[in-house]
All heavy atoms as atom14 arrays in JSON, in Angstrom:
{
  "sequence": "ARLESRRSADGMEHWLNWVIALRDGALIGFV",
  "atom14_mask": [
    [1, 1, 1, 1, 1, 0, 0, 0, 0, 0, 0, 0, 0, 0],
    [1, 1, 1, 1, 1, 1, 1, 1, 1, 1, 1, 0, 0, 0],
    [1, 1, 1, 1, 1, 1, 1, 1, 0, 0, 0, 0, 0, 0],
    [1, 1, 1, 1, 1, 1, 1, 1, 1, 0, 0, 0, 0, 0],
    [1, 1, 1, 1, 1, 1, 0, 0, 0, 0, 0, 0, 0, 0],
    [1, 1, 1, 1, 1, 1, 1, 1, 1, 1, 1, 0, 0, 0],
    [1, 1, 1, 1, 1, 1, 1, 1, 1, 1, 1, 0, 0, 0],
    [1, 1, 1, 1, 1, 1, 0, 0, 0, 0, 0, 0, 0, 0],
    [1, 1, 1, 1, 1, 0, 0, 0, 0, 0, 0, 0, 0, 0],
    [1, 1, 1, 1, 1, 1, 1, 1, 0, 0, 0, 0, 0, 0],
    [1, 1, 1, 1, 0, 0, 0, 0, 0, 0, 0, 0, 0, 0],
    [1, 1, 1, 1, 1, 1, 1, 1, 0, 0, 0, 0, 0, 0],
    [1, 1, 1, 1, 1, 1, 1, 1, 1, 0, 0, 0, 0, 0],
    [1, 1, 1, 1, 1, 1, 1, 1, 1, 1, 0, 0, 0, 0],
    [1, 1, 1, 1, 1, 1, 1, 1, 1, 1, 1, 1, 1, 1],
    [1, 1, 1, 1, 1, 1, 1, 1, 0, 0, 0, 0, 0, 0],
    [1, 1, 1, 1, 1, 1, 1, 1, 0, 0, 0, 0, 0, 0],
    [1, 1, 1, 1, 1, 1, 1, 1, 1, 1, 1, 1, 1, 1],
    [1, 1, 1, 1, 1, 1, 1, 0, 0, 0, 0, 0, 0, 0],
    [1, 1, 1, 1, 1, 1, 1, 1, 0, 0, 0, 0, 0, 0],
    [1, 1, 1, 1, 1, 0, 0, 0, 0, 0, 0, 0, 0, 0],
    [1, 1, 1, 1, 1, 1, 1, 1, 0, 0, 0, 0, 0, 0],
    [1, 1, 1, 1, 1, 1, 1, 1, 1, 1, 1, 0, 0, 0],
    [1, 1, 1, 1, 1, 1, 1, 1, 0, 0, 0, 0, 0, 0],
    [1, 1, 1, 1, 0, 0, 0, 0, 0, 0, 0, 0, 0, 0],
    [1, 1, 1, 1, 1, 0, 0, 0, 0, 0, 0, 0, 0, 0],
    [1, 1, 1, 1, 1, 1, 1, 1, 0, 0, 0, 0, 0, 0],
    [1, 1, 1, 1, 1, 1, 1, 1, 0, 0, 0, 0, 0, 0],
    [1, 1, 1, 1, 0, 0, 0, 0, 0, 0, 0, 0, 0, 0],
    [1, 1, 1, 1, 1, 1, 1, 1, 1, 1, 1, 0, 0, 0],
    [1, 1, 1, 1, 1, 1, 1, 0, 0, 0, 0, 0, 0, 0]
  ],
  "atom14_positions": [
    [[6.47, -17.48, -12.94], [5.47, -16.85, -13.82], [4.18, -17.68, -13.82], [3.08, -17.13, -13.76], [6.02, -16.69, -15.23], [0.0, 0.0, 0.0], [0.0, 0.0, 0.0], [0.0, 0.0, 0.0], [0.0, 0.0, 0.0], [0.0, 0.0, 0.0], [0.0, 0.0, 0.0], [0.0, 0.0, 0.0], [0.0, 0.0, 0.0], [0.0, 0.0, 0.0]],
    [[4.31, -19.03, -13.87], [3.12, -19.89, -13.84], [2.37, -19.73, -12.51], [1.15, -19.75, -12.48], [3.5, -21.36, -14.04], [3.8, -21.74, -15.47], [3.92, -23.24, -15.67], [4.85, -23.9, -14.76], [6.17, -23.98, -14.92], [6.74, -23.43, -15.98], [6.92, -24.61, -14.05], [0.0, 0.0, 0.0], [0.0, 0.0, 0.0], [0.0, 0.0, 0.0]],
    [[3.11, -19.58, -11.43], [2.48, -19.47, -10.11], [1.8, -18.11, -9.89], [1.01, -17.97, -8.97], [3.51, -19.72, -9.01], [4.04, -21.15, -8.93], [5.2, -21.24, -7.94], [2.92, -22.13, -8.57], [0.0, 0.0, 0.0], [0.0, 0.0, 0.0], [0.0, 0.0, 0.0], [0.0, 0.0, 0.0], [0.0, 0.0, 0.0], [0.0, 0.0, 0.0]],
    [[2.09, -17.14, -10.74], [1.47, -15.82, -10.61], [-0.04, -15.87, -10.82], [-0.75, -14.95, -10.41], [2.1, -14.82, -11.57], [3.46, -14.36, -11.14], [4.07, -13.36, -12.11], [3.32, -12.56, -12.7], [5.31, -13.37, -12.25], [0.0, 0.0, 0.0], [0.0, 0.0, 0.0], [0.0, 0.0, 0.0], [0.0, 0.0, 0.0], [0.0, 0.0, 0.0]],
    [[-0.56, -16.94, -11.41], [-2.01, -17.08, -11.58], [-2.69, -17.21, -10.22], [-3.87, -16.9, -10.08], [-2.34, -18.31, -12.42], [-2.09, -19.5, -11.68], [0.0, 0.0, 0.0], [0.0, 0.0, 0.0], [0.0, 0.0, 0.0], [0.0, 0.0, 0.0], [0.0, 0.0, 0.0], [0.0, 0.0, 0.0], [0.0, 0.0, 0.0], [0.0, 0.0, 0.0]],
    [[-1.94, -17.69, -9.22], [-2.43, -17.89, -7.85], [-3.51, -18.97, -7.77], [-4.16, -19.12, -6.74], [-2.96, -16.6, -7.21], [-2.08, -15.38, -7.4], [-0.87, -15.37, -6.52], [-0.18, -14.09, -6.64], [1.14, -13.98, -6.78], [1.9, -15.03, -6.78], [1.69, -12.79, -6.88], [0.0, 0.0, 0.0], [0.0, 0.0, 0.0], [0.0, 0.0, 0.0]],
    [[-3.7, -19.74, -8.84], [-4.71, -20.8, -8.86], [-4.19, -22.03, -9.62], [-3.42, -21.9, -10.56], [-5.97, -20.34, -9.57], [-6.67, -19.2, -8.91], [-7.91, -18.8, -9.73], [-8.42, -17.53, -9.3], [-9.27, -17.37, -8.29], [-9.68, -18.41, -7.64], [-9.69, -16.17, -7.96], [0.0, 0.0, 0.0], [0.0, 0.0, 0.0], [0.0, 0.0, 0.0]],
    [[-4.69, -23.19, -9.21], [-4.39, -24.4, -9.96], [-5.09, -24.32, -11.31], [-6.02, -23.53, -11.5], [-4.87, -25.63, -9.18], [-6.26, -25.57, -8.97], [0.0, 0.0, 0.0], [0.0, 0.0, 0.0], [0.0, 0.0, 0.0], [0.0, 0.0, 0.0], [0.0, 0.0, 0.0], [0.0, 0.0, 0.0], [0.0, 0.0, 0.0], [0.0, 0.0, 0.0]],
    [[-4.66, -25.15, -12.25], [-5.24, -25.12, -13.6], [-6.74, -25.37, -13.58], [-7.48, -24.79, -14.37], [-4.54, -26.14, -14.49], [0.0, 0.0, 0.0], [0.0, 0.0, 0.0], [0.0, 0.0, 0.0], [0.0, 0.0, 0.0], [0.0, 0.0, 0.0], [0.0, 0.0, 0.0], [0.0, 0.0, 0.0], [0.0, 0.0, 0.0], [0.0, 0.0, 0.0]],
    [[-7.21, -26.23, -12.67], [-8.65, -26.52, -12.59], [-9.41, -25.53, -11.73], [-10.63, -25.63, -11.58], [-8.89, -27.95, -12.1], [-8.38, -28.19, -10.68], [-7.96, -27.23, -10.0], [-8.4, -29.37, -10.26], [0.0, 0.0, 0.0], [0.0, 0.0, 0.0], [0.0, 0.0, 0.0], [0.0, 0.0, 0.0], [0.0, 0.0, 0.0], [0.0, 0.0, 0.0]],
    [[-8.71, -24.56, -11.13], [-9.35, -23.54, -10.31], [-9.8, -24.02, -8.94], [-10.41, -23.25, -8.19], [0.0, 0.0, 0.0], [0.0, 0.0, 0.0], [0.0, 0.0, 0.0], [0.0, 0.0, 0.0], [0.0, 0.0, 0.0], [0.0, 0.0, 0.0], [0.0, 0.0, 0.0], [0.0, 0.0, 0.0], [0.0, 0.0, 0.0], [0.0, 0.0, 0.0]],
    [[-9.46, -25.24, -8.58], [-9.92, -25.81, -7.3], [-9.01, -25.46, -6.12], [-9.4, -25.63, -4.98], [-10.05, -27.33, -7.42], [-11.07, -27.76, -8.47], [-12.73, -27.13, -8.16], [-13.18, -28.12, -6.76], [0.0, 0.0, 0.0], [0.0, 0.0, 0.0], [0.0, 0.0, 0.0], [0.0, 0.0, 0.0], [0.0, 0.0, 0.0], [0.0, 0.0, 0.0]],
    [[-7.81, -25.01, -6.4], [-6.88, -24.66, -5.34], [-6.39, -23.23, -5.55], [-6.23, -22.78, -6.69], [-5.67, -25.59, -5.34], [-6.0, -27.03, -5.07], [-4.81, -27.95, -5.25], [-3.82, -27.55, -5.9], [-4.88, -29.08, -4.76], [0.0, 0.0, 0.0], [0.0, 0.0, 0.0], [0.0, 0.0, 0.0], [0.0, 0.0, 0.0], [0.0, 0.0, 0.0]],
    [[-6.15, -22.57, -4.46], [-5.6, -21.22, -4.49], [-4.15, -21.34, -4.04], [-3.87, -21.86, -2.95], [-6.4, -20.34, -3.53], [-6.24, -18.89, -3.77], [-6.93, -17.95, -3.05], [-5.5, -18.17, -4.63], [-6.62, -16.75, -3.45], [-5.75, -16.86, -4.41], [0.0, 0.0, 0.0], [0.0, 0.0, 0.0], [0.0, 0.0, 0.0], [0.0, 0.0, 0.0]],
    [[-3.21, -20.9, -4.88], [-1.79, -21.0, -4.6], [-1.25, -19.64, -4.18], [-1.29, -18.68, -4.95], [-1.03, -21.46, -5.84], [-1.37, -22.83, -6.3], [-1.96, -23.85, -5.59], [-1.13, -23.37, -7.6], [-2.09, -24.96, -6.37], [-1.59, -24.7, -7.61], [-0.57, -22.84, -8.75], [-1.5, -25.51, -8.72], [-0.48, -23.65, -9.87], [-0.94, -24.97, -9.84]],
    [[-0.74, -19.58, -2.97], [-0.18, -18.33, -2.46], [1.29, -18.55, -2.15], [1.65, -19.47, -1.42], [-0.92, -17.9, -1.2], [-2.43, -17.73, -1.35], [-3.06, -17.4, 0.0], [-2.76, -16.67, -2.38], [0.0, 0.0, 0.0], [0.0, 0.0, 0.0], [0.0, 0.0, 0.0], [0.0, 0.0, 0.0], [0.0, 0.0, 0.0], [0.0, 0.0, 0.0]],
    [[2.12, -17.7, -2.71], [3.57, -17.8, -2.52], [4.12, -16.42, -2.19], [3.84, -15.46, -2.91], [4.24, -18.31, -3.81], [3.74, -19.67, -4.21], [4.21, -20.68, -3.73], [2.73, -19.71, -5.08], [0.0, 0.0, 0.0], [0.0, 0.0, 0.0], [0.0, 0.0, 0.0], [0.0, 0.0, 0.0], [0.0, 0.0, 0.0], [0.0, 0.0, 0.0]],
    [[4.89, -16.35, -1.12], [5.55, -15.11, -0.73], [7.05, -15.36, -0.62], [7.47, -16.38, -0.07], [5.09, -14.63, 0.65], [3.71, -14.07, 0.73], [3.35, -12.78, 0.55], [2.51, -14.78, 1.06], [1.98, -12.62, 0.76], [1.45, -13.85, 1.06], [2.22, -16.11, 1.35], [0.14, -14.2, 1.36], [0.91, -16.47, 1.63], [-0.11, -15.51, 1.63]],
    [[7.86, -14.43, -1.12], [9.29, -14.5, -0.86], [9.54, -13.78, 0.46], [8.85, -12.81, 0.8], [10.14, -13.89, -2.0], [10.04, -14.73, -3.26], [9.78, -12.43, -2.27], [0.0, 0.0, 0.0], [0.0, 0.0, 0.0], [0.0, 0.0, 0.0], [0.0, 0.0, 0.0], [0.0, 0.0, 0.0], [0.0, 0.0, 0.0], [0.0, 0.0, 0.0]],
    [[10.5, -14.29, 1.2], [10.85, -13.72, 2.5], [12.04, -12.79, 2.29], [13.08, -13.2, 1.78], [11.26, -14.81, 3.51], [10.16, -15.86, 3.66], [11.63, -14.18, 4.86], [10.61, -17.12, 4.42], [0.0, 0.0, 0.0], [0.0, 0.0, 0.0], [0.0, 0.0, 0.0], [0.0, 0.0, 0.0], [0.0, 0.0, 0.0], [0.0, 0.0, 0.0]],
    [[11.87, -11.53, 2.7], [12.94, -10.54, 2.59], [13.27, -10.0, 3.97], [12.37, -9.72, 4.77], [12.53, -9.4, 1.67], [0.0, 0.0, 0.0], [0.0, 0.0, 0.0], [0.0, 0.0, 0.0], [0.0, 0.0, 0.0], [0.0, 0.0, 0.0], [0.0, 0.0, 0.0], [0.0, 0.0, 0.0], [0.0, 0.0, 0.0], [0.0, 0.0, 0.0]],
    [[14.56, -9.85, 4.22], [14.98, -9.12, 5.41], [14.59, -7.66, 5.23], [14.33, -7.22, 4.1], [16.49, -9.25, 5.61], [17.0, -10.68, 5.85], [18.52, -10.7, 5.87], [16.44, -11.23, 7.16], [0.0, 0.0, 0.0], [0.0, 0.0, 0.0], [0.0, 0.0, 0.0], [0.0, 0.0, 0.0], [0.0, 0.0, 0.0], [0.0, 0.0, 0.0]],
    [[14.6, -6.88, 6.28], [14.22, -5.47, 6.18], [15.13, -4.69, 5.23], [14.73, -3.67, 4.68], [14.21, -4.81, 7.56], [13.02, -5.23, 8.42], [11.74, -4.72, 7.8], [10.59, -5.08, 8.62], [9.59, -4.27, 8.86], [9.58, -3.05, 8.38], [8.58, -4.68, 9.58], [0.0, 0.0, 0.0], [0.0, 0.0, 0.0], [0.0, 0.0, 0.0]],
    [[16.36, -5.2, 5.0], [17.25, -4.52, 4.05], [16.93, -4.89, 2.6], [17.56, -4.41, 1.67], [18.72, -4.79, 4.37], [19.13, -6.25, 4.14], [18.33, -7.06, 3.61], [20.28, -6.59, 4.49], [0.0, 0.0, 0.0], [0.0, 0.0, 0.0], [0.0, 0.0, 0.0], [0.0, 0.0, 0.0], [0.0, 0.0, 0.0], [0.0, 0.0, 0.0]],
    [[15.95, -5.78, 2.4], [15.51, -6.15, 1.06], [16.08, -7.46, 0.54], [15.62, -7.96, -0.48], [0.0, 0.0, 0.0], [0.0, 0.0, 0.0], [0.0, 0.0, 0.0], [0.0, 0.0, 0.0], [0.0, 0.0, 0.0], [0.0, 0.0, 0.0], [0.0, 0.0, 0.0], [0.0, 0.0, 0.0], [0.0, 0.0, 0.0], [0.0, 0.0, 0.0]],
    [[17.08, -8.02, 1.2], [17.69, -9.27, 0.73], [16.71, -10.43, 0.88], [16.13, -10.63, 1.95], [18.96, -9.56, 1.52], [0.0, 0.0, 0.0], [0.0, 0.0, 0.0], [0.0, 0.0, 0.0], [0.0, 0.0, 0.0], [0.0, 0.0, 0.0], [0.0, 0.0, 0.0], [0.0, 0.0, 0.0], [0.0, 0.0, 0.0], [0.0, 0.0, 0.0]],
    [[16.52, -11.18, -0.22], [15.65, -12.34, -0.18], [16.37, -13.52, 0.46], [17.55, -13.76, 0.18], [15.19, -12.71, -1.59], [14.41, -11.64, -2.35], [13.93, -12.17, -3.7], [13.24, -11.11, -1.53], [0.0, 0.0, 0.0], [0.0, 0.0, 0.0], [0.0, 0.0, 0.0], [0.0, 0.0, 0.0], [0.0, 0.0, 0.0], [0.0, 0.0, 0.0]],
    [[15.64, -14.25, 1.32], [16.28, -15.35, 2.05], [15.48, -16.65, 2.0], [15.9, -17.65, 2.57], [16.55, -14.97, 3.52], [15.25, -14.65, 4.25], [17.53, -13.8, 3.58], [15.41, -14.51, 5.76], [0.0, 0.0, 0.0], [0.0, 0.0, 0.0], [0.0, 0.0, 0.0], [0.0, 0.0, 0.0], [0.0, 0.0, 0.0], [0.0, 0.0, 0.0]],
    [[14.33, -16.68, 1.32], [13.54, -17.9, 1.24], [12.12, -17.59, 0.81], [11.83, -16.52, 0.27], [0.0, 0.0, 0.0], [0.0, 0.0, 0.0], [0.0, 0.0, 0.0], [0.0, 0.0, 0.0], [0.0, 0.0, 0.0], [0.0, 0.0, 0.0], [0.0, 0.0, 0.0], [0.0, 0.0, 0.0], [0.0, 0.0, 0.0], [0.0, 0.0, 0.0]],
    [[11.23, -18.55, 1.08], [9.82, -18.35, 0.75], [8.93, -19.13, 1.7], [9.36, -20.06, 2.37], [9.51, -18.74, -0.71], [9.64, -20.2, -1.01], [8.62, -21.1, -0.72], [10.78, -20.7, -1.63], [8.74, -22.45, -1.01], [10.91, -22.04, -1.94], [9.88, -22.92, -1.62], [0.0, 0.0, 0.0], [0.0, 0.0, 0.0], [0.0, 0.0, 0.0]],
    [[7.67, -18.7, 1.76], [6.6, -19.44, 2.41], [5.49, -19.58, 1.38], [5.35, -18.74, 0.49], [6.07, -18.75, 3.69], [7.09, -18.8, 4.81], [5.62, -17.33, 3.43], [0.0, 0.0, 0.0], [0.0, 0.0, 0.0], [0.0, 0.0, 0.0], [0.0, 0.0, 0.0], [0.0, 0.0, 0.0], [0.0, 0.0, 0.0], [0.0, 0.0, 0.0]]
  ]
}
């Protein structure tokens, strides 16, 4: 939930997080 802002608290960094899903929808990790 905190990472959903996509930014650091000071606004100097942009945080991008993706979950990795197989085509069947199963989550297997993140980048």
